PDB file of all heavy atoms in Angstrom:
ATOM      1  N   THR A   1       0.795  -1.217   0.000  1.00  0.00           N
ATOM      2  CA  THR A   1       0.000   0.000   0.000  1.00  0.00           C
ATOM      3  C   THR A   1       0.832   1.274   0.000  1.00  0.00           C
ATOM      4  O   THR A   1       0.327   2.342  -0.314  1.00  0.00           O
ATOM      5  CB  THR A   1      -0.933   0.012   1.228  1.00  0.00           C
ATOM      6  OG1 THR A   1      -0.138  -0.218   2.404  1.00  0.00           O
ATOM      7  CG2 THR A   1      -1.988  -1.072   1.130  1.00  0.00           C
ATOM      8  N   ASP A   2       2.126   1.166   0.349  1.00  0.00           N
ATOM      9  CA  ASP A   2       2.970   2.363   0.410  1.00  0.00           C
ATOM     10  C   ASP A   2       3.716   2.629  -0.892  1.00  0.00           C
ATOM     11  O   ASP A   2       4.519   3.550  -0.985  1.00  0.00           O
ATOM     12  CB  ASP A   2       3.976   2.243   1.555  1.00  0.00           C
ATOM     13  CG  ASP A   2       4.907   1.042   1.397  1.00  0.00           C
ATOM     14  OD1 ASP A   2       4.568   0.124   0.607  1.00  0.00           O
ATOM     15  OD2 ASP A   2       5.959   1.017   2.044  1.00  0.00           O
ATOM     16  N   ALA A   3       3.484   1.809  -1.923  1.00  0.00           N
ATOM     17  CA  ALA A   3       4.240   1.954  -3.170  1.00  0.00           C
ATOM     18  C   ALA A   3       3.746   3.154  -3.984  1.00  0.00           C
ATOM     19  O   ALA A   3       2.546   3.365  -4.135  1.00  0.00           O
ATOM     20  CB  ALA A   3       4.109   0.682  -4.002  1.00  0.00           C
ATOM     21  N   ALA A   4       4.700   3.924  -4.513  1.00  0.00           N
ATOM     22  CA  ALA A   4       4.352   5.048  -5.388  1.00  0.00           C
ATOM     23  C   ALA A   4       3.826   4.496  -6.706  1.00  0.00           C
ATOM     24  O   ALA A   4       4.309   3.477  -7.190  1.00  0.00           O
ATOM     25  CB  ALA A   4       5.588   5.902  -5.634  1.00  0.00           C
ATOM     26  N   GLU A   5       2.831   5.153  -7.282  1.00  0.00           N
ATOM     27  CA  GLU A   5       2.307   4.676  -8.565  1.00  0.00           C
ATOM     28  C   GLU A   5       3.119   5.235  -9.720  1.00  0.00           C
ATOM     29  O   GLU A   5       3.531   6.394  -9.703  1.00  0.00           O
ATOM     30  CB  GLU A   5       0.820   5.020  -8.706  1.00  0.00           C
ATOM     31  CG  GLU A   5      -0.046   4.057  -7.909  1.00  0.00           C
ATOM     32  CD  GLU A   5      -1.470   3.955  -8.427  1.00  0.00           C
ATOM     33  OE1 GLU A   5      -1.683   3.939  -9.658  1.00  0.00           O
ATOM     34  OE2 GLU A   5      -2.387   3.885  -7.590  1.00  0.00           O
ATOM     35  N   VAL A   6       3.333   4.380 -10.710  1.00  0.00           N
ATOM     36  CA  VAL A   6       4.120   4.733 -11.888  1.00  0.00           C
ATOM     37  C   VAL A   6       3.212   4.569 -13.111  1.00  0.00           C
ATOM     38  O   VAL A   6       2.604   3.515 -13.290  1.00  0.00           O
ATOM     39  CB  VAL A   6       5.349   3.799 -12.024  1.00  0.00           C
ATOM     40  CG1 VAL A   6       6.153   4.149 -13.262  1.00  0.00           C
ATOM     41  CG2 VAL A   6       6.215   3.874 -10.766  1.00  0.00           C
ATOM     42  N   SER A   7       3.127   5.587 -13.943  1.00  0.00           N
ATOM     43  CA  SER A   7       2.271   5.481 -15.124  1.00  0.00           C
ATOM     44  C   SER A   7       2.900   4.549 -16.152  1.00  0.00           C
ATOM     45  O   SER A   7       4.121   4.304 -16.135  1.00  0.00           O
ATOM     46  CB  SER A   7       2.064   6.858 -15.750  1.00  0.00           C
ATOM     47  OG  SER A   7       3.263   7.302 -16.377  1.00  0.00           O
ATOM     48  N   LEU A   8       2.080   4.052 -17.064  1.00  0.00           N
ATOM     49  CA  LEU A   8       2.600   3.188 -18.121  1.00  0.00           C
ATOM     50  C   LEU A   8       3.560   3.950 -19.029  1.00  0.00           C
ATOM     51  O   LEU A   8       4.514   3.375 -19.564  1.00  0.00           O
ATOM     52  CB  LEU A   8       1.448   2.586 -18.924  1.00  0.00           C
ATOM     53  CG  LEU A   8       0.577   1.580 -18.158  1.00  0.00           C
ATOM     54  CD1 LEU A   8      -0.544   1.057 -19.054  1.00  0.00           C
ATOM     55  CD2 LEU A   8       1.397   0.412 -17.615  1.00  0.00           C
ATOM     56  N   ASP A   9       3.339   5.248 -19.193  1.00  0.00           N
ATOM     57  CA  ASP A   9       4.270   6.063 -19.980  1.00  0.00           C
ATOM     58  C   ASP A   9       5.626   6.161 -19.280  1.00  0.00           C
ATOM     59  O   ASP A   9       6.674   6.088 -19.935  1.00  0.00           O
ATOM     60  CB  ASP A   9       3.702   7.473 -20.206  1.00  0.00           C
ATOM     61  CG  ASP A   9       2.562   7.486 -21.208  1.00  0.00           C
ATOM     62  OD1 ASP A   9       2.431   6.498 -21.979  1.00  0.00           O
ATOM     63  OD2 ASP A   9       1.790   8.461 -21.234  1.00  0.00           O
ATOM     64  N   GLN A  10       5.604   6.317 -17.966  1.00  0.00           N
ATOM     65  CA  GLN A  10       6.867   6.347 -17.213  1.00  0.00           C
ATOM     66  C   GLN A  10       7.586   5.000 -17.311  1.00  0.00           C
ATOM     67  O   GLN A  10       8.810   4.937 -17.440  1.00  0.00           O
ATOM     68  CB  GLN A  10       6.594   6.676 -15.745  1.00  0.00           C
ATOM     69  CG  GLN A  10       6.246   8.119 -15.465  1.00  0.00           C
ATOM     70  CD  GLN A  10       5.848   8.301 -13.999  1.00  0.00           C
ATOM     71  OE1 GLN A  10       4.829   7.776 -13.541  1.00  0.00           O
ATOM     72  NE2 GLN A  10       6.642   9.035 -13.254  1.00  0.00           N
ATOM     73  N   LEU A  11       6.806   3.923 -17.235  1.00  0.00           N
ATOM     74  CA  LEU A  11       7.369   2.579 -17.370  1.00  0.00           C
ATOM     75  C   LEU A  11       8.073   2.431 -18.712  1.00  0.00           C
ATOM     76  O   LEU A  11       9.206   1.925 -18.795  1.00  0.00           O
ATOM     77  CB  LEU A  11       6.246   1.542 -17.237  1.00  0.00           C
ATOM     78  CG  LEU A  11       6.622   0.084 -17.474  1.00  0.00           C
ATOM     79  CD1 LEU A  11       7.576  -0.421 -16.402  1.00  0.00           C
ATOM     80  CD2 LEU A  11       5.359  -0.791 -17.511  1.00  0.00           C
ATOM     81  N   GLU A  12       7.425   2.887 -19.762  1.00  0.00           N
ATOM     82  CA  GLU A  12       8.000   2.802 -21.107  1.00  0.00           C
ATOM     83  C   GLU A  12       9.277   3.639 -21.217  1.00  0.00           C
ATOM     84  O   GLU A  12      10.267   3.202 -21.813  1.00  0.00           O
ATOM     85  CB  GLU A  12       6.977   3.275 -22.141  1.00  0.00           C
ATOM     86  CG  GLU A  12       7.415   3.078 -23.579  1.00  0.00           C
ATOM     87  CD  GLU A  12       6.288   3.385 -24.557  1.00  0.00           C
ATOM     88  OE1 GLU A  12       5.456   4.266 -24.271  1.00  0.00           O
ATOM     89  OE2 GLU A  12       6.244   2.721 -25.613  1.00  0.00           O
ATOM     90  N   LEU A  13       9.272   4.821 -20.613  1.00  0.00           N
ATOM     91  CA  LEU A  13      10.454   5.683 -20.643  1.00  0.00           C
ATOM     92  C   LEU A  13      11.630   5.023 -19.936  1.00  0.00           C
ATOM     93  O   LEU A  13      12.768   5.055 -20.431  1.00  0.00           O
ATOM     94  CB  LEU A  13      10.131   7.030 -19.986  1.00  0.00           C
ATOM     95  CG  LEU A  13      11.305   8.014 -19.859  1.00  0.00           C
ATOM     96  CD1 LEU A  13      11.840   8.404 -21.232  1.00  0.00           C
ATOM     97  CD2 LEU A  13      10.879   9.252 -19.069  1.00  0.00           C
ATOM     98  N   ILE A  14      11.367   4.405 -18.782  1.00  0.00           N
ATOM     99  CA  ILE A  14      12.431   3.713 -18.057  1.00  0.00           C
ATOM    100  C   ILE A  14      12.989   2.579 -18.898  1.00  0.00           C
ATOM    101  O   ILE A  14      14.214   2.414 -19.023  1.00  0.00           O
ATOM    102  CB  ILE A  14      11.915   3.200 -16.692  1.00  0.00           C
ATOM    103  CG1 ILE A  14      11.666   4.382 -15.749  1.00  0.00           C
ATOM    104  CG2 ILE A  14      12.897   2.202 -16.067  1.00  0.00           C
ATOM    105  CD1 ILE A  14      10.936   4.026 -14.465  1.00  0.00           C
ATOM    106  N   LYS A  15      12.106   1.804 -19.524  1.00  0.00           N
ATOM    107  CA  LYS A  15      12.558   0.687 -20.360  1.00  0.00           C
ATOM    108  C   LYS A  15      13.447   1.174 -21.510  1.00  0.00           C
ATOM    109  O   LYS A  15      14.467   0.560 -21.836  1.00  0.00           O
ATOM    110  CB  LYS A  15      11.343  -0.084 -20.903  1.00  0.00           C
ATOM    111  CG  LYS A  15      11.697  -1.197 -21.897  1.00  0.00           C
ATOM    112  CD  LYS A  15      12.670  -2.201 -21.317  1.00  0.00           C
ATOM    113  CE  LYS A  15      13.165  -3.190 -22.364  1.00  0.00           C
ATOM    114  NZ  LYS A  15      14.268  -4.028 -21.866  1.00  0.00           N
ATOM    115  N   LYS A  16      13.074   2.293 -22.102  1.00  0.00           N
ATOM    116  CA  LYS A  16      13.849   2.825 -23.231  1.00  0.00           C
ATOM    117  C   LYS A  16      15.173   3.450 -22.799  1.00  0.00           C
ATOM    118  O   LYS A  16      16.080   3.629 -23.616  1.00  0.00           O
ATOM    119  CB  LYS A  16      13.021   3.863 -23.991  1.00  0.00           C
ATOM    120  CG  LYS A  16      11.886   3.255 -24.805  1.00  0.00           C
ATOM    121  CD  LYS A  16      11.056   4.322 -25.497  1.00  0.00           C
ATOM    122  CE  LYS A  16       9.999   3.692 -26.411  1.00  0.00           C
ATOM    123  NZ  LYS A  16       9.104   4.703 -27.008  1.00  0.00           N
ATOM    124  N   SER A  17      15.285   3.769 -21.500  1.00  0.00           N
ATOM    125  CA  SER A  17      16.440   4.523 -21.019  1.00  0.00           C
ATOM    126  C   SER A  17      17.510   3.668 -20.357  1.00  0.00           C
ATOM    127  O   SER A  17      18.631   4.141 -20.136  1.00  0.00           O
ATOM    128  CB  SER A  17      15.977   5.600 -20.029  1.00  0.00           C
ATOM    129  OG  SER A  17      15.016   6.451 -20.620  1.00  0.00           O
ATOM    130  N   VAL A  18      17.183   2.444 -20.006  1.00  0.00           N
ATOM    131  CA  VAL A  18      18.176   1.566 -19.376  1.00  0.00           C
ATOM    132  C   VAL A  18      18.455   0.369 -20.284  1.00  0.00           C
ATOM    133  O   VAL A  18      17.658   0.042 -21.157  1.00  0.00           O
ATOM    134  CB  VAL A  18      17.719   1.076 -17.976  1.00  0.00           C
ATOM    135  CG1 VAL A  18      17.521   2.251 -17.037  1.00  0.00           C
ATOM    136  CG2 VAL A  18      16.456   0.223 -18.063  1.00  0.00           C
ATOM    137  N   THR A  19      19.581  -0.261 -20.039  1.00  0.00           N
ATOM    138  CA  THR A  19      19.957  -1.430 -20.851  1.00  0.00           C
ATOM    139  C   THR A  19      19.769  -2.740 -20.092  1.00  0.00           C
ATOM    140  O   THR A  19      19.921  -3.811 -20.660  1.00  0.00           O
ATOM    141  CB  THR A  19      21.425  -1.323 -21.298  1.00  0.00           C
ATOM    142  OG1 THR A  19      22.260  -1.178 -20.135  1.00  0.00           O
ATOM    143  CG2 THR A  19      21.628  -0.116 -22.207  1.00  0.00           C
ATOM    144  N   ILE A  20      19.460  -2.649 -18.787  1.00  0.00           N
ATOM    145  CA  ILE A  20      19.207  -3.865 -18.003  1.00  0.00           C
ATOM    146  C   ILE A  20      17.722  -4.214 -18.060  1.00  0.00           C
ATOM    147  O   ILE A  20      16.895  -3.368 -18.409  1.00  0.00           O
ATOM    148  CB  ILE A  20      19.667  -3.691 -16.535  1.00  0.00           C
ATOM    149  CG1 ILE A  20      18.979  -2.481 -15.873  1.00  0.00           C
ATOM    150  CG2 ILE A  20      21.179  -3.586 -16.452  1.00  0.00           C
ATOM    151  CD1 ILE A  20      19.341  -2.291 -14.399  1.00  0.00           C
ATOM    152  N   PRO A  21      17.353  -5.464 -17.753  1.00  0.00           N
ATOM    153  CA  PRO A  21      15.946  -5.863 -17.802  1.00  0.00           C
ATOM    154  C   PRO A  21      15.058  -5.042 -16.863  1.00  0.00           C
ATOM    155  O   PRO A  21      15.486  -4.629 -15.781  1.00  0.00           O
ATOM    156  CB  PRO A  21      15.982  -7.334 -17.375  1.00  0.00           C
ATOM    157  CG  PRO A  21      17.349  -7.797 -17.753  1.00  0.00           C
ATOM    158  CD  PRO A  21      18.239  -6.620 -17.516  1.00  0.00           C
ATOM    159  N   VAL A  22      13.830  -4.840 -17.317  1.00  0.00           N
ATOM    160  CA  VAL A  22      12.829  -4.081 -16.561  1.00  0.00           C
ATOM    161  C   VAL A  22      11.626  -4.982 -16.303  1.00  0.00           C
ATOM    162  O   VAL A  22      11.052  -5.552 -17.243  1.00  0.00           O
ATOM    163  CB  VAL A  22      12.390  -2.822 -17.335  1.00  0.00           C
ATOM    164  CG1 VAL A  22      11.206  -2.143 -16.645  1.00  0.00           C
ATOM    165  CG2 VAL A  22      13.552  -1.851 -17.481  1.00  0.00           C
ATOM    166  N   VAL A  23      11.261  -5.100 -15.026  1.00  0.00           N
ATOM    167  CA  VAL A  23      10.099  -5.890 -14.616  1.00  0.00           C
ATOM    168  C   VAL A  23       9.081  -4.939 -13.994  1.00  0.00           C
ATOM    169  O   VAL A  23       9.431  -4.133 -13.134  1.00  0.00           O
ATOM    170  CB  VAL A  23      10.504  -6.968 -13.589  1.00  0.00           C
ATOM    171  CG1 VAL A  23       9.282  -7.747 -13.114  1.00  0.00           C
ATOM    172  CG2 VAL A  23      11.545  -7.913 -14.169  1.00  0.00           C
ATOM    173  N   ALA A  24       7.837  -5.034 -14.428  1.00  0.00           N
ATOM    174  CA  ALA A  24       6.778  -4.191 -13.855  1.00  0.00           C
ATOM    175  C   ALA A  24       6.111  -4.943 -12.716  1.00  0.00           C
ATOM    176  O   ALA A  24       5.938  -6.160 -12.772  1.00  0.00           O
ATOM    177  CB  ALA A  24       5.747  -3.833 -14.915  1.00  0.00           C
ATOM    178  N   ILE A  25       5.708  -4.197 -11.682  1.00  0.00           N
ATOM    179  CA  ILE A  25       5.044  -4.806 -10.535  1.00  0.00           C
ATOM    180  C   ILE A  25       3.949  -3.875 -10.031  1.00  0.00           C
ATOM    181  O   ILE A  25       4.021  -2.657 -10.193  1.00  0.00           O
ATOM    182  CB  ILE A  25       6.050  -5.120  -9.401  1.00  0.00           C
ATOM    183  CG1 ILE A  25       5.376  -5.918  -8.280  1.00  0.00           C
ATOM    184  CG2 ILE A  25       6.709  -3.849  -8.862  1.00  0.00           C
ATOM    185  CD1 ILE A  25       6.336  -6.540  -7.283  1.00  0.00           C
ATOM    186  N   GLY A  26       2.924  -4.476  -9.422  1.00  0.00           N
ATOM    187  CA  GLY A  26       1.873  -3.690  -8.792  1.00  0.00           C
ATOM    188  C   GLY A  26       0.532  -3.837  -9.475  1.00  0.00           C
ATOM    189  O   GLY A  26       0.287  -3.225 -10.501  1.00  0.00           O
ATOM    190  N   GLY A  27      -0.327  -4.673  -8.904  1.00  0.00           N
ATOM    191  CA  GLY A  27      -1.692  -4.794  -9.399  1.00  0.00           C
ATOM    192  C   GLY A  27      -1.836  -5.408 -10.782  1.00  0.00           C
ATOM    193  O   GLY A  27      -2.866  -5.244 -11.434  1.00  0.00           O
ATOM    194  N   ILE A  28      -0.820  -6.133 -11.230  1.00  0.00           N
ATOM    195  CA  ILE A  28      -0.868  -6.724 -12.582  1.00  0.00           C
ATOM    196  C   ILE A  28      -1.617  -8.053 -12.526  1.00  0.00           C
ATOM    197  O   ILE A  28      -1.388  -8.888 -11.647  1.00  0.00           O
ATOM    198  CB  ILE A  28       0.549  -6.910 -13.141  1.00  0.00           C
ATOM    199  CG1 ILE A  28       1.251  -5.558 -13.266  1.00  0.00           C
ATOM    200  CG2 ILE A  28       0.513  -7.607 -14.504  1.00  0.00           C
ATOM    201  CD1 ILE A  28       2.732  -5.635 -13.538  1.00  0.00           C
ATOM    202  N   ASN A  29      -2.538  -8.244 -13.484  1.00  0.00           N
ATOM    203  CA  ASN A  29      -3.298  -9.486 -13.569  1.00  0.00           C
ATOM    204  C   ASN A  29      -3.628  -9.768 -15.029  1.00  0.00           C
ATOM    205  O   ASN A  29      -3.169  -9.044 -15.925  1.00  0.00           O
ATOM    206  CB  ASN A  29      -4.562  -9.408 -12.709  1.00  0.00           C
ATOM    207  CG  ASN A  29      -5.410  -8.196 -13.054  1.00  0.00           C
ATOM    208  OD1 ASN A  29      -5.654  -7.915 -14.233  1.00  0.00           O
ATOM    209  ND2 ASN A  29      -5.846  -7.465 -12.039  1.00  0.00           N
TER     210      ASN A  29
END
């Protein structure tokens, strides 16, 4: 419940900006 929310656009930006694997978490089903 204390996790900051990250938009899908922010997620995409992070993925495009780093070279290491990116895993999304939080309410995914």
